[in-house]
Structure formats: structure tokens, C-alpha cells
Amino acid sequence: MRHATEHADVPTAELDTALRGGPFHVALRAAIAARGLPLQRVQHHLSRHGVKVGVTSLSYWQQGARRPQRPESLRAVRALEEILQLPDESLIRLLAESDEGTTGRPAGRSYRSLIEASDVVDRLTADLGWSLDGGLHTLGHHECVRIGARRELASREAHHIVRAHRDGVDRFVAVHHGDPGCDPRRVTVHALENCRTGRLRWDQDTGVLVAELLFGTRLRTGDTFLFRYRIEDGTAGASREYLHRFGFPGGQYALQVRFDTAALPVRCHRFAQHSAAAPRSGRQELSVTGPHHCAHVVESRIRPGIVGIAWDWE
């Protein structure tokens, strides 16, 4: 919990329950009540954080009449977590979860599934003796995802350009998070260029597979290296999005999604998230163009967080 900005009451059972299960407006109302702050004081504290929100908006938020959606409003929600002495991401998480329930389309990946998958990835990569960044800095990362005739995620091909920032790096660990229903035991990994496949680890419950790609040489600090691999999946049901999660800033990232002519979406859009708990932002409509029926995004500089493409079926 964070430090108090004013004298705060002991959190009530109602607040604890609301923070666990939501919804957002109930948790916000309980947190404000538990701290004994009138909305004018909450607004004052927000202004000290450099965020401008009207008392009327705060009232609407805690009544559930409106929801914070604009970037400035989301900044206010994060500031409220500090002002109201709440755990990091507690209100943002509830906001993201309720967004998933009101979009009118099946959620691609819930907040809970992303967190569970992240924990599994940490465990599986640790089993391979792989550190968080692996001693490599990304200069370029290009992915091509292929959606098959059954609307399934059939495969994805990745081309990496990296630079070593320590001596002795001789491998990379690729992570594949299949769609719901994925059977990672049936997923195959193909080393295409400047690497060969090493050990594989997977988790059946989350559909996560990690694959060791061996370079066949030890890089020295400052050395650059290019390698390419493909992952064949096709084991899950209809796919609705593809996203990539970055833990560190880096170079350029390009993502292309190619649709089979027998399975064309009615619309596509780009999205981003600063963290798994944050609401999605940066929505941009994408056209599926050309004879190859592709949509793509290019990020000139990788930032920590999530970037992806989502689509709707007819």
C-alpha cells in the first residue's frame, strides 16, 4: 500500500471485497468512502498530481454513469490509486476487466490469462536457464502471422535482429502463447536461418510453449546477429487477435497478419496496452489489402507493453 496523503481510515471489508471483484465504480466509491475524502479534496489531490478532472466527472465515475477512457482520465485513475492508498494497478485492472465484458465481442485475452501466462513463461524460461533479457538488445523484430481457412492461428514466422550486450550469448528463447484451446504438445518449431532448435518446454493449461534457438556461435559484446524461425500451430479454435508483449525498450517492430481467402475478417484494428492491467488504447482501424489479404502495423521504436492487431469475424 502507498503512503497516505491525508489521515485515512482503516480499509473496510466492503473496500477489500470491491477491490477483489469490482466493478470499477463500486471499488472507487468504496475507496473514497474509506478514506473519508469529499470529492472536492480528491479533485485537489489530483491537481497536485498534474491531472485535471472535474468533480462532476468523479461523481459520474463512482456512480457508474460514465467510465474513464481518455488518456488524461486513465492518468487520473492511476493517480487515484496513489491518493486513495490502493495497490498498484488495482483500479486499472478492474477498469480493464469491465472493458472486456462490455465490448460486445469475445475477449481475445483477459487480464487474468495474461498474468497467468506471464507467470508460466517465467517458470518455463527459468527451467531453461534463460534470464529476463538474455543478454540481447533488439534492433529489429518482424513477425508474420498466418490465419488459416478455419480462422485458426495457423503459424507465425519471426525475424530477429539483435545486438549482444554481454559476452558469451549463444541462444534465444522464443515464446508462443496459443489461442484458447491450443495444444502446445502439437505445436512445432522450425529453425529457418542462423539457428537450430534446442529444448522445448510447454504448459498445457495456458497454451504456452517456449523454444530454445541455438546460434551455433558465441557472441561478443556489441556483436549483431540475425536469425529467423517459424512456429506452426493450428491447434486452437477461431483466432481473434495477435499481440506481442515487450519487457524492454528496443528497435523497430513490424507485425503482419495474413488471412486465408476463405476466412476474411469484417474489420481489423491496431491496439496497444502499457501493461496487462491497463485498458487498451491507441486503436487504429486497419484495412485488409492486396491479393494476399494482409493487415500490418509498424512501431518505429519498441516500448515496454503490448502491441497487437485484433479482428472481427462476420
C-alpha atoms as a PDB file:
ATOM      1  CA  MET A   1       0.000   0.000   0.000  1.00  0.00           C
ATOM      2  CA  ARG A   2       1.163   3.537  -0.659  1.00  0.00           C
ATOM      3  CA  HIS A   3       1.728   6.307   1.828  1.00  0.00           C
ATOM      4  CA  ALA A   4      -1.303   8.327   2.895  1.00  0.00           C
ATOM      5  CA  THR A   5      -1.788  11.833   1.609  1.00  0.00           C
ATOM      6  CA  GLU A   6      -4.158  12.621   4.483  1.00  0.00           C
ATOM      7  CA  HIS A   7      -5.364  10.784   7.566  1.00  0.00           C
ATOM      8  CA  ALA A   8      -7.027   7.610   6.322  1.00  0.00           C
ATOM      9  CA  ASP A   9      -9.487   5.274   7.954  1.00  0.00           C
ATOM     10  CA  VAL A  10      -8.730   1.578   8.157  1.00  0.00           C
ATOM     11  CA  PRO A  11      -9.918  -0.026   4.873  1.00  0.00           C
ATOM     12  CA  THR A  12     -13.312  -1.642   5.282  1.00  0.00           C
ATOM     13  CA  ALA A  13     -14.359  -5.171   4.345  1.00  0.00           C
ATOM     14  CA  GLU A  14     -16.504  -3.585   1.650  1.00  0.00           C
ATOM     15  CA  LEU A  15     -13.435  -1.983   0.073  1.00  0.00           C
ATOM     16  CA  ASP A  16     -11.430  -5.221   0.171  1.00  0.00           C
ATOM     17  CA  THR A  17     -14.294  -7.084  -1.478  1.00  0.00           C
ATOM     18  CA  ALA A  18     -14.767  -4.396  -4.128  1.00  0.00           C
ATOM     19  CA  LEU A  19     -11.063  -4.329  -4.991  1.00  0.00           C
ATOM     20  CA  ARG A  20     -11.074  -8.077  -5.492  1.00  0.00           C
ATOM     21  CA  GLY A  21     -14.245  -8.397  -7.540  1.00  0.00           C
ATOM     22  CA  GLY A  22     -15.242  -4.934  -8.747  1.00  0.00           C
ATOM     23  CA  PRO A  23     -16.855  -3.477 -10.648  1.00  0.00           C
ATOM     24  CA  PHE A  24     -14.714  -0.378 -11.083  1.00  0.00           C
ATOM     25  CA  HIS A  25     -17.252   2.218  -9.931  1.00  0.00           C
ATOM     26  CA  VAL A  26     -18.110   0.262  -6.762  1.00  0.00           C
ATOM     27  CA  ALA A  27     -14.421  -0.075  -5.844  1.00  0.00           C
ATOM     28  CA  LEU A  28     -13.797   3.632  -6.494  1.00  0.00           C
ATOM     29  CA  ARG A  29     -16.788   4.651  -4.381  1.00  0.00           C
ATOM     30  CA  ALA A  30     -15.718   2.334  -1.538  1.00  0.00           C
ATOM     31  CA  ALA A  31     -12.136   3.628  -1.639  1.00  0.00           C
ATOM     32  CA  ILE A  32     -13.225   7.278  -1.476  1.00  0.00           C
ATOM     33  CA  ALA A  33     -15.599   6.498   1.392  1.00  0.00           C
ATOM     34  CA  ALA A  34     -12.935   4.536   3.288  1.00  0.00           C
ATOM     35  CA  ARG A  35     -10.533   7.488   3.126  1.00  0.00           C
ATOM     36  CA  GLY A  36     -13.212   9.952   4.182  1.00  0.00           C
ATOM     37  CA  LEU A  37     -12.378  12.374   1.373  1.00  0.00           C
ATOM     38  CA  PRO A  38     -15.015  14.630  -0.189  1.00  0.00           C
ATOM     39  CA  LEU A  39     -14.816  14.808  -3.958  1.00  0.00           C
ATOM     40  CA  GLN A  40     -13.500  18.372  -3.808  1.00  0.00           C
ATOM     41  CA  ARG A  41     -10.474  17.106  -1.837  1.00  0.00           C
ATOM     42  CA  VAL A  42      -9.960  14.254  -4.287  1.00  0.00           C
ATOM     43  CA  GLN A  43     -10.009  16.779  -7.114  1.00  0.00           C
ATOM     44  CA  HIS A  44      -7.467  18.930  -5.233  1.00  0.00           C
ATOM     45  CA  HIS A  45      -5.093  15.987  -4.810  1.00  0.00           C
ATOM     46  CA  LEU A  46      -5.436  15.136  -8.491  1.00  0.00           C
ATOM     47  CA  SER A  47      -4.496  18.662  -9.463  1.00  0.00           C
ATOM     48  CA  ARG A  48      -1.357  18.336  -7.311  1.00  0.00           C
ATOM     49  CA  HIS A  49      -0.512  15.297  -9.442  1.00  0.00           C
ATOM     50  CA  GLY A  50      -0.887  17.431 -12.562  1.00  0.00           C
ATOM     51  CA  VAL A  51      -4.219  15.854 -13.566  1.00  0.00           C
ATOM     52  CA  LYS A  52      -7.371  17.905 -14.149  1.00  0.00           C
ATOM     53  CA  VAL A  53     -10.679  16.160 -13.534  1.00  0.00           C
ATOM     54  CA  GLY A  54     -13.947  17.855 -12.615  1.00  0.00           C
ATOM     55  CA  VAL A  55     -15.953  16.976  -9.510  1.00  0.00           C
ATOM     56  CA  THR A  56     -18.884  16.089 -11.768  1.00  0.00           C
ATOM     57  CA  SER A  57     -16.762  13.554 -13.660  1.00  0.00           C
ATOM     58  CA  LEU A  58     -15.558  11.999 -10.403  1.00  0.00           C
ATOM     59  CA  SER A  59     -19.156  11.735  -9.259  1.00  0.00           C
ATOM     60  CA  TYR A  60     -20.188  10.068 -12.518  1.00  0.00           C
ATOM     61  CA  TRP A  61     -17.266   7.621 -12.265  1.00  0.00           C
ATOM     62  CA  GLN A  62     -18.183   6.449  -8.790  1.00  0.00           C
ATOM     63  CA  GLN A  63     -21.862   6.143  -9.747  1.00  0.00           C
ATOM     64  CA  GLY A  64     -21.058   4.094 -12.849  1.00  0.00           C
ATOM     65  CA  ALA A  65     -22.780   6.671 -15.076  1.00  0.00           C
ATOM     66  CA  ARG A  66     -19.571   7.238 -17.044  1.00  0.00           C
ATOM     67  CA  ARG A  67     -16.261   5.473 -17.376  1.00  0.00           C
ATOM     68  CA  PRO A  68     -12.752   6.952 -17.660  1.00  0.00           C
ATOM     69  CA  GLN A  69     -11.487   6.233 -21.181  1.00  0.00           C
ATOM     70  CA  ARG A  70      -9.404   9.158 -22.471  1.00  0.00           C
ATOM     71  CA  PRO A  71      -5.621   9.121 -21.782  1.00  0.00           C
ATOM     72  CA  GLU A  72      -5.995  12.016 -19.315  1.00  0.00           C
ATOM     73  CA  SER A  73      -8.745  10.119 -17.494  1.00  0.00           C
ATOM     74  CA  LEU A  74      -6.613   6.994 -17.276  1.00  0.00           C
ATOM     75  CA  ARG A  75      -3.800   9.093 -15.811  1.00  0.00           C
ATOM     76  CA  ALA A  76      -6.301  10.242 -13.216  1.00  0.00           C
ATOM     77  CA  VAL A  77      -7.203   6.642 -12.329  1.00  0.00           C
ATOM     78  CA  ARG A  78      -3.542   5.818 -11.719  1.00  0.00           C
ATOM     79  CA  ALA A  79      -3.183   8.932  -9.579  1.00  0.00           C
ATOM     80  CA  LEU A  80      -6.307   7.925  -7.629  1.00  0.00           C
ATOM     81  CA  GLU A  81      -4.649   4.631  -6.730  1.00  0.00           C
ATOM     82  CA  GLU A  82      -1.894   6.614  -5.006  1.00  0.00           C
ATOM     83  CA  ILE A  83      -4.175   9.234  -3.454  1.00  0.00           C
ATOM     84  CA  LEU A  84      -6.526   6.588  -2.044  1.00  0.00           C
ATOM     85  CA  GLN A  85      -3.682   4.325  -0.847  1.00  0.00           C
ATOM     86  CA  LEU A  86      -4.612   1.433  -3.113  1.00  0.00           C
ATOM     87  CA  PRO A  87      -2.321  -1.273  -4.523  1.00  0.00           C
ATOM     88  CA  ASP A  88      -0.723  -0.551  -7.884  1.00  0.00           C
ATOM     89  CA  GLU A  89      -2.982  -1.373 -10.861  1.00  0.00           C
ATOM     90  CA  SER A  90      -5.968  -2.221  -8.623  1.00  0.00           C
ATOM     91  CA  LEU A  91      -8.423   0.247 -10.192  1.00  0.00           C
ATOM     92  CA  ILE A  92      -6.873  -0.009 -13.662  1.00  0.00           C
ATOM     93  CA  ARG A  93      -7.268  -3.784 -13.529  1.00  0.00           C
ATOM     94  CA  LEU A  94     -10.976  -3.509 -12.715  1.00  0.00           C
ATOM     95  CA  LEU A  95     -11.410  -0.990 -15.498  1.00  0.00           C
ATOM     96  CA  ALA A  96      -9.695  -3.323 -17.991  1.00  0.00           C
ATOM     97  CA  GLU A  97     -11.750  -6.332 -16.898  1.00  0.00           C
ATOM     98  CA  SER A  98     -15.027  -4.458 -17.230  1.00  0.00           C
ATOM     99  CA  ASP A  99     -13.928  -3.188 -20.660  1.00  0.00           C
ATOM    100  CA  GLU A 100     -13.598  -6.796 -21.761  1.00  0.00           C
ATOM    101  CA  GLY A 101     -17.129  -7.513 -20.622  1.00  0.00           C
ATOM    102  CA  THR A 102     -18.706  -4.593 -22.488  1.00  0.00           C
ATOM    103  CA  THR A 103     -17.026  -4.603 -25.868  1.00  0.00           C
ATOM    104  CA  GLY A 104     -19.748  -6.713 -27.497  1.00  0.00           C
ATOM    105  CA  ARG A 105     -17.175  -9.185 -28.836  1.00  0.00           C
ATOM    106  CA  PRO A 106     -15.428 -12.154 -27.242  1.00  0.00           C
ATOM    107  CA  ALA A 107     -12.332 -11.026 -25.374  1.00  0.00           C
ATOM    108  CA  GLY A 108      -9.150 -12.240 -27.012  1.00  0.00           C
ATOM    109  CA  ARG A 109      -7.104 -12.468 -23.855  1.00  0.00           C
ATOM    110  CA  SER A 110      -8.311 -11.491 -20.406  1.00  0.00           C
ATOM    111  CA  TYR A 111      -6.168  -9.717 -17.838  1.00  0.00           C
ATOM    112  CA  ARG A 112      -6.135 -12.900 -15.769  1.00  0.00           C
ATOM    113  CA  SER A 113      -4.960 -15.060 -18.688  1.00  0.00           C
ATOM    114  CA  LEU A 114      -2.101 -12.655 -19.465  1.00  0.00           C
ATOM    115  CA  ILE A 115      -0.918 -12.667 -15.861  1.00  0.00           C
ATOM    116  CA  GLU A 116      -1.156 -16.453 -15.620  1.00  0.00           C
ATOM    117  CA  ALA A 117       0.740 -16.845 -18.904  1.00  0.00           C
ATOM    118  CA  SER A 118       3.415 -14.401 -17.722  1.00  0.00           C
ATOM    119  CA  ASP A 119       3.969 -16.460 -14.577  1.00  0.00           C
ATOM    120  CA  VAL A 120       4.179 -19.643 -16.654  1.00  0.00           C
ATOM    121  CA  VAL A 121       6.683 -18.062 -19.051  1.00  0.00           C
ATOM    122  CA  ASP A 122       8.863 -17.029 -16.108  1.00  0.00           C
ATOM    123  CA  ARG A 123       8.817 -20.595 -14.798  1.00  0.00           C
ATOM    124  CA  LEU A 124       9.488 -22.271 -18.150  1.00  0.00           C
ATOM    125  CA  THR A 125      12.300 -19.914 -19.186  1.00  0.00           C
ATOM    126  CA  ALA A 126      13.909 -20.256 -15.754  1.00  0.00           C
ATOM    127  CA  ASP A 127      13.885 -24.014 -16.326  1.00  0.00           C
ATOM    128  CA  LEU A 128      15.986 -23.359 -19.442  1.00  0.00           C
ATOM    129  CA  GLY A 129      18.359 -21.093 -17.510  1.00  0.00           C
ATOM    130  CA  TRP A 130      17.256 -18.051 -19.521  1.00  0.00           C
ATOM    131  CA  SER A 131      17.470 -14.592 -17.960  1.00  0.00           C
ATOM    132  CA  LEU A 132      14.897 -11.855 -18.455  1.00  0.00           C
ATOM    133  CA  ASP A 133      16.655 -10.128 -21.379  1.00  0.00           C
ATOM    134  CA  GLY A 134      19.038 -12.949 -22.336  1.00  0.00           C
ATOM    135  CA  GLY A 135      21.930 -10.559 -22.912  1.00  0.00           C
ATOM    136  CA  LEU A 136      20.423  -9.358 -26.200  1.00  0.00           C
ATOM    137  CA  HIS A 137      19.130  -5.963 -27.273  1.00  0.00           C
ATOM    138  CA  THR A 138      16.501  -5.938 -30.035  1.00  0.00           C
ATOM    139  CA  LEU A 139      17.328  -3.827 -33.085  1.00  0.00           C
ATOM    140  CA  GLY A 140      14.502  -5.145 -35.237  1.00  0.00           C
ATOM    141  CA  HIS A 141      11.714  -7.688 -34.801  1.00  0.00           C
ATOM    142  CA  HIS A 142       9.393  -8.585 -37.690  1.00  0.00           C
ATOM    143  CA  GLU A 143       6.544 -11.097 -37.384  1.00  0.00           C
ATOM    144  CA  CYS A 144       4.184 -12.551 -39.963  1.00  0.00           C
ATOM    145  CA  VAL A 145       1.116 -14.330 -38.587  1.00  0.00           C
ATOM    146  CA  ARG A 146      -0.986 -16.554 -40.853  1.00  0.00           C
ATOM    147  CA  ILE A 147      -4.691 -17.159 -40.172  1.00  0.00           C
ATOM    148  CA  GLY A 148      -5.963 -20.340 -41.798  1.00  0.00           C
ATOM    149  CA  ALA A 149      -9.164 -21.278 -43.570  1.00  0.00           C
ATOM    150  CA  ARG A 150     -10.759 -22.373 -40.271  1.00  0.00           C
ATOM    151  CA  ARG A 151      -9.998 -18.920 -38.817  1.00  0.00           C
ATOM    152  CA  GLU A 152      -7.285 -20.514 -36.674  1.00  0.00           C
ATOM    153  CA  LEU A 153      -3.822 -19.150 -35.922  1.00  0.00           C
ATOM    154  CA  ALA A 154      -2.028 -21.461 -38.355  1.00  0.00           C
ATOM    155  CA  SER A 155       1.537 -20.202 -37.967  1.00  0.00           C
ATOM    156  CA  ARG A 156       3.781 -17.273 -37.263  1.00  0.00           C
ATOM    157  CA  GLU A 157       7.230 -16.506 -38.589  1.00  0.00           C
ATOM    158  CA  ALA A 158       9.657 -14.233 -36.751  1.00  0.00           C
ATOM    159  CA  HIS A 159      12.801 -12.474 -37.968  1.00  0.00           C
ATOM    160  CA  HIS A 160      15.021 -11.001 -35.231  1.00  0.00           C
ATOM    161  CA  ILE A 161      17.934  -8.578 -35.478  1.00  0.00           C
ATOM    162  CA  VAL A 162      19.758  -8.381 -32.134  1.00  0.00           C
ATOM    163  CA  ARG A 163      22.926  -6.995 -30.563  1.00  0.00           C
ATOM    164  CA  ALA A 164      24.697  -8.676 -27.653  1.00  0.00           C
ATOM    165  CA  HIS A 165      25.352  -6.530 -24.604  1.00  0.00           C
ATOM    166  CA  ARG A 166      27.476  -9.141 -22.831  1.00  0.00           C
ATOM    167  CA  ASP A 167      29.973 -11.768 -23.915  1.00  0.00           C
ATOM    168  CA  GLY A 168      29.056 -15.399 -24.485  1.00  0.00           C
ATOM    169  CA  VAL A 169      25.437 -15.164 -25.655  1.00  0.00           C
ATOM    170  CA  ASP A 170      24.731 -18.177 -27.859  1.00  0.00           C
ATOM    171  CA  ARG A 171      20.946 -18.622 -27.906  1.00  0.00           C
ATOM    172  CA  PHE A 172      17.493 -17.064 -27.770  1.00  0.00           C
ATOM    173  CA  VAL A 173      14.314 -18.360 -26.139  1.00  0.00           C
ATOM    174  CA  ALA A 174      11.144 -17.816 -28.214  1.00  0.00           C
ATOM    175  CA  VAL A 175       7.746 -17.693 -26.504  1.00  0.00           C
ATOM    176  CA  HIS A 176       4.489 -18.782 -28.143  1.00  0.00           C
ATOM    177  CA  HIS A 177       1.152 -18.180 -26.389  1.00  0.00           C
ATOM    178  CA  GLY A 178      -1.513 -20.048 -28.314  1.00  0.00           C
ATOM    179  CA  ASP A 179      -5.161 -19.066 -28.523  1.00  0.00           C
ATOM    180  CA  PRO A 180      -7.644 -20.588 -26.043  1.00  0.00           C
ATOM    181  CA  GLY A 181      -7.809 -24.319 -26.664  1.00  0.00           C
ATOM    182  CA  CYS A 182      -4.251 -24.519 -28.046  1.00  0.00           C
ATOM    183  CA  ASP A 183      -2.466 -27.848 -27.520  1.00  0.00           C
ATOM    184  CA  PRO A 184       1.214 -26.880 -27.123  1.00  0.00           C
ATOM    185  CA  ARG A 185       2.282 -30.540 -27.400  1.00  0.00           C
ATOM    186  CA  ARG A 186       1.248 -30.442 -31.080  1.00  0.00           C
ATOM    187  CA  VAL A 187       2.877 -27.092 -31.856  1.00  0.00           C
ATOM    188  CA  THR A 188       6.102 -27.401 -33.880  1.00  0.00           C
ATOM    189  CA  VAL A 189       9.098 -25.071 -34.074  1.00  0.00           C
ATOM    190  CA  HIS A 190      11.225 -24.739 -37.224  1.00  0.00           C
ATOM    191  CA  ALA A 191      14.611 -23.009 -37.218  1.00  0.00           C
ATOM    192  CA  LEU A 192      14.855 -21.276 -40.602  1.00  0.00           C
ATOM    193  CA  GLU A 193      18.035 -19.208 -40.615  1.00  0.00           C
ATOM    194  CA  ASN A 194      21.201 -18.918 -38.491  1.00  0.00           C
ATOM    195  CA  CYS A 195      19.862 -21.062 -35.650  1.00  0.00           C
ATOM    196  CA  ARG A 196      18.744 -24.563 -34.720  1.00  0.00           C
ATOM    197  CA  THR A 197      16.052 -25.770 -32.358  1.00  0.00           C
ATOM    198  CA  GLY A 198      17.112 -26.757 -28.851  1.00  0.00           C
ATOM    199  CA  ARG A 199      14.995 -27.684 -25.834  1.00  0.00           C
ATOM    200  CA  LEU A 200      11.225 -27.144 -25.713  1.00  0.00           C
ATOM    201  CA  ARG A 201       9.031 -26.584 -22.663  1.00  0.00           C
ATOM    202  CA  TRP A 202       5.254 -26.082 -22.512  1.00  0.00           C
ATOM    203  CA  ASP A 203       2.289 -25.645 -20.201  1.00  0.00           C
ATOM    204  CA  GLN A 204      -0.931 -27.353 -21.217  1.00  0.00           C
ATOM    205  CA  ASP A 205      -3.316 -25.201 -19.166  1.00  0.00           C
ATOM    206  CA  THR A 206      -2.237 -21.834 -20.603  1.00  0.00           C
ATOM    207  CA  GLY A 207      -1.174 -22.994 -24.087  1.00  0.00           C
ATOM    208  CA  VAL A 208       2.313 -21.517 -23.616  1.00  0.00           C
ATOM    209  CA  LEU A 209       5.348 -23.010 -25.358  1.00  0.00           C
ATOM    210  CA  VAL A 210       8.950 -21.799 -25.056  1.00  0.00           C
ATOM    211  CA  ALA A 211      11.609 -22.894 -27.513  1.00  0.00           C
ATOM    212  CA  GLU A 212      15.374 -22.609 -27.287  1.00  0.00           C
ATOM    213  CA  LEU A 213      17.032 -21.434 -30.519  1.00  0.00           C
ATOM    214  CA  LEU A 214      20.778 -22.093 -30.604  1.00  0.00           C
ATOM    215  CA  PHE A 215      23.036 -19.791 -32.641  1.00  0.00           C
ATOM    216  CA  GLY A 216      25.994 -22.166 -33.069  1.00  0.00           C
ATOM    217  CA  THR A 217      28.361 -19.337 -32.112  1.00  0.00           C
ATOM    218  CA  ARG A 218      29.090 -17.237 -29.043  1.00  0.00           C
ATOM    219  CA  LEU A 219      28.548 -13.515 -29.500  1.00  0.00           C
ATOM    220  CA  ARG A 220      30.812 -10.892 -28.013  1.00  0.00           C
ATOM    221  CA  THR A 221      29.573  -7.621 -26.570  1.00  0.00           C
ATOM    222  CA  GLY A 222      28.493  -5.383 -29.448  1.00  0.00           C
ATOM    223  CA  ASP A 223      28.114  -8.208 -31.982  1.00  0.00           C
ATOM    224  CA  THR A 224      24.954  -8.184 -34.080  1.00  0.00           C
ATOM    225  CA  PHE A 225      23.100 -11.306 -35.183  1.00  0.00           C
ATOM    226  CA  LEU A 226      20.162 -12.151 -37.445  1.00  0.00           C
ATOM    227  CA  PHE A 227      18.023 -15.273 -37.116  1.00  0.00           C
ATOM    228  CA  ARG A 228      14.627 -16.495 -38.231  1.00  0.00           C
ATOM    229  CA  TYR A 229      12.215 -19.204 -37.130  1.00  0.00           C
ATOM    230  CA  ARG A 230       8.627 -20.348 -37.677  1.00  0.00           C
ATOM    231  CA  ILE A 231       6.077 -21.781 -35.246  1.00  0.00           C
ATOM    232  CA  GLU A 232       3.311 -23.990 -36.667  1.00  0.00           C
ATOM    233  CA  ASP A 233       0.195 -24.087 -34.500  1.00  0.00           C
ATOM    234  CA  GLY A 234      -3.320 -24.591 -35.907  1.00  0.00           C
ATOM    235  CA  THR A 235      -4.452 -26.451 -32.779  1.00  0.00           C
ATOM    236  CA  ALA A 236      -6.982 -23.941 -31.381  1.00  0.00           C
ATOM    237  CA  GLY A 237     -10.317 -22.520 -32.489  1.00  0.00           C
ATOM    238  CA  ALA A 238     -11.089 -19.216 -34.168  1.00  0.00           C
ATOM    239  CA  SER A 239      -8.422 -16.596 -33.535  1.00  0.00           C
ATOM    240  CA  ARG A 240      -9.480 -13.008 -32.838  1.00  0.00           C
ATOM    241  CA  GLU A 241      -6.228 -11.207 -32.189  1.00  0.00           C
ATOM    242  CA  TYR A 242      -2.475 -11.465 -32.081  1.00  0.00           C
ATOM    243  CA  LEU A 243      -0.382  -9.487 -29.622  1.00  0.00           C
ATOM    244  CA  HIS A 244       3.247  -9.271 -28.618  1.00  0.00           C
ATOM    245  CA  ARG A 245       4.454  -8.319 -25.182  1.00  0.00           C
ATOM    246  CA  PHE A 246       7.716  -6.379 -24.730  1.00  0.00           C
ATOM    247  CA  GLY A 247       9.574  -6.094 -21.433  1.00  0.00           C
ATOM    248  CA  PHE A 248      12.293  -3.691 -22.574  1.00  0.00           C
ATOM    249  CA  PRO A 249      12.581  -0.746 -24.971  1.00  0.00           C
ATOM    250  CA  GLY A 250      14.225  -1.584 -28.269  1.00  0.00           C
ATOM    251  CA  GLY A 251      14.270  -1.090 -32.004  1.00  0.00           C
ATOM    252  CA  GLN A 252      11.621  -1.433 -34.690  1.00  0.00           C
ATOM    253  CA  TYR A 253       8.735  -3.887 -34.525  1.00  0.00           C
ATOM    254  CA  ALA A 254       6.573  -4.842 -37.508  1.00  0.00           C
ATOM    255  CA  LEU A 255       3.580  -7.170 -37.325  1.00  0.00           C
ATOM    256  CA  GLN A 256       1.709  -8.512 -40.357  1.00  0.00           C
ATOM    257  CA  VAL A 257      -1.396 -10.711 -40.178  1.00  0.00           C
ATOM    258  CA  ARG A 258      -2.278 -12.614 -43.354  1.00  0.00           C
ATOM    259  CA  PHE A 259      -5.776 -14.090 -43.762  1.00  0.00           C
ATOM    260  CA  ASP A 260      -6.768 -17.079 -45.845  1.00  0.00           C
ATOM    261  CA  THR A 261      -9.135 -16.137 -48.691  1.00  0.00           C
ATOM    262  CA  ALA A 262     -11.740 -18.470 -47.146  1.00  0.00           C
ATOM    263  CA  ALA A 263     -11.605 -16.583 -43.817  1.00  0.00           C
ATOM    264  CA  LEU A 264     -11.590 -12.821 -44.259  1.00  0.00           C
ATOM    265  CA  PRO A 265     -12.497 -10.597 -41.296  1.00  0.00           C
ATOM    266  CA  VAL A 266     -15.069  -7.824 -41.496  1.00  0.00           C
ATOM    267  CA  ARG A 267     -12.753  -5.344 -39.767  1.00  0.00           C
ATOM    268  CA  CYS A 268      -9.290  -5.069 -38.179  1.00  0.00           C
ATOM    269  CA  HIS A 269      -7.688  -2.630 -35.778  1.00  0.00           C
ATOM    270  CA  ARG A 270      -4.396  -1.990 -34.040  1.00  0.00           C
ATOM    271  CA  PHE A 271      -4.288  -1.726 -30.250  1.00  0.00           C
ATOM    272  CA  ALA A 272      -1.733  -1.181 -27.506  1.00  0.00           C
ATOM    273  CA  GLN A 273      -1.528  -1.589 -23.732  1.00  0.00           C
ATOM    274  CA  HIS A 274       1.071  -0.113 -21.404  1.00  0.00           C
ATOM    275  CA  SER A 275       0.700  -3.192 -19.196  1.00  0.00           C
ATOM    276  CA  ALA A 276      -1.511  -6.265 -18.976  1.00  0.00           C
ATOM    277  CA  ALA A 277      -3.672  -4.457 -16.410  1.00  0.00           C
ATOM    278  CA  ALA A 278      -4.097  -1.228 -18.378  1.00  0.00           C
ATOM    279  CA  PRO A 279      -7.051  -0.572 -20.674  1.00  0.00           C
ATOM    280  CA  ARG A 280      -6.362  -0.869 -24.363  1.00  0.00           C
ATOM    281  CA  SER A 281      -5.514   2.328 -26.173  1.00  0.00           C
ATOM    282  CA  GLY A 282      -4.102   3.524 -29.477  1.00  0.00           C
ATOM    283  CA  ARG A 283      -6.904   1.965 -31.503  1.00  0.00           C
ATOM    284  CA  GLN A 284      -6.408   2.433 -35.232  1.00  0.00           C
ATOM    285  CA  GLU A 285      -8.570   0.900 -37.946  1.00  0.00           C
ATOM    286  CA  LEU A 286      -6.613  -1.211 -40.437  1.00  0.00           C
ATOM    287  CA  SER A 287      -7.575  -2.274 -43.937  1.00  0.00           C
ATOM    288  CA  VAL A 288      -7.042  -5.816 -45.208  1.00  0.00           C
ATOM    289  CA  THR A 289      -5.491  -5.029 -48.556  1.00  0.00           C
ATOM    290  CA  GLY A 290      -3.896  -6.567 -51.604  1.00  0.00           C
ATOM    291  CA  PRO A 291      -4.057 -10.024 -53.146  1.00  0.00           C
ATOM    292  CA  HIS A 292      -2.504 -11.513 -50.005  1.00  0.00           C
ATOM    293  CA  HIS A 293      -5.220 -10.131 -47.661  1.00  0.00           C
ATOM    294  CA  CYS A 294      -2.862  -8.659 -45.082  1.00  0.00           C
ATOM    295  CA  ALA A 295      -3.084  -6.082 -42.310  1.00  0.00           C
ATOM    296  CA  HIS A 296       0.012  -4.703 -40.643  1.00  0.00           C
ATOM    297  CA  VAL A 297       1.412  -2.272 -38.103  1.00  0.00           C
ATOM    298  CA  VAL A 298       4.913  -0.834 -37.751  1.00  0.00           C
ATOM    299  CA  GLU A 299       6.236   0.521 -34.465  1.00  0.00           C
ATOM    300  CA  SER A 300       9.300   2.672 -35.046  1.00  0.00           C
ATOM    301  CA  ARG A 301      10.535   2.097 -31.503  1.00  0.00           C
ATOM    302  CA  ILE A 302       9.574  -0.775 -29.202  1.00  0.00           C
ATOM    303  CA  ARG A 303       8.281   0.330 -25.814  1.00  0.00           C
ATOM    304  CA  PRO A 304       7.517  -1.866 -22.811  1.00  0.00           C
ATOM    305  CA  GLY A 305       3.952  -3.139 -23.008  1.00  0.00           C
ATOM    306  CA  ILE A 306       1.722  -4.789 -25.568  1.00  0.00           C
ATOM    307  CA  VAL A 307       1.119  -4.146 -29.269  1.00  0.00           C
ATOM    308  CA  GLY A 308      -1.266  -6.160 -31.384  1.00  0.00           C
ATOM    309  CA  ILE A 309      -3.873  -6.486 -34.103  1.00  0.00           C
ATOM    310  CA  ALA A 310      -7.459  -7.587 -33.427  1.00  0.00           C
ATOM    311  CA  TRP A 311     -10.183  -8.503 -35.896  1.00  0.00           C
ATOM    312  CA  ASP A 312     -13.879  -9.345 -36.020  1.00  0.00           C
ATOM    313  CA  TRP A 313     -15.467 -12.209 -37.912  1.00  0.00           C
ATOM    314  CA  GLU A 314     -18.785 -11.878 -39.682  1.00  0.00           C
END
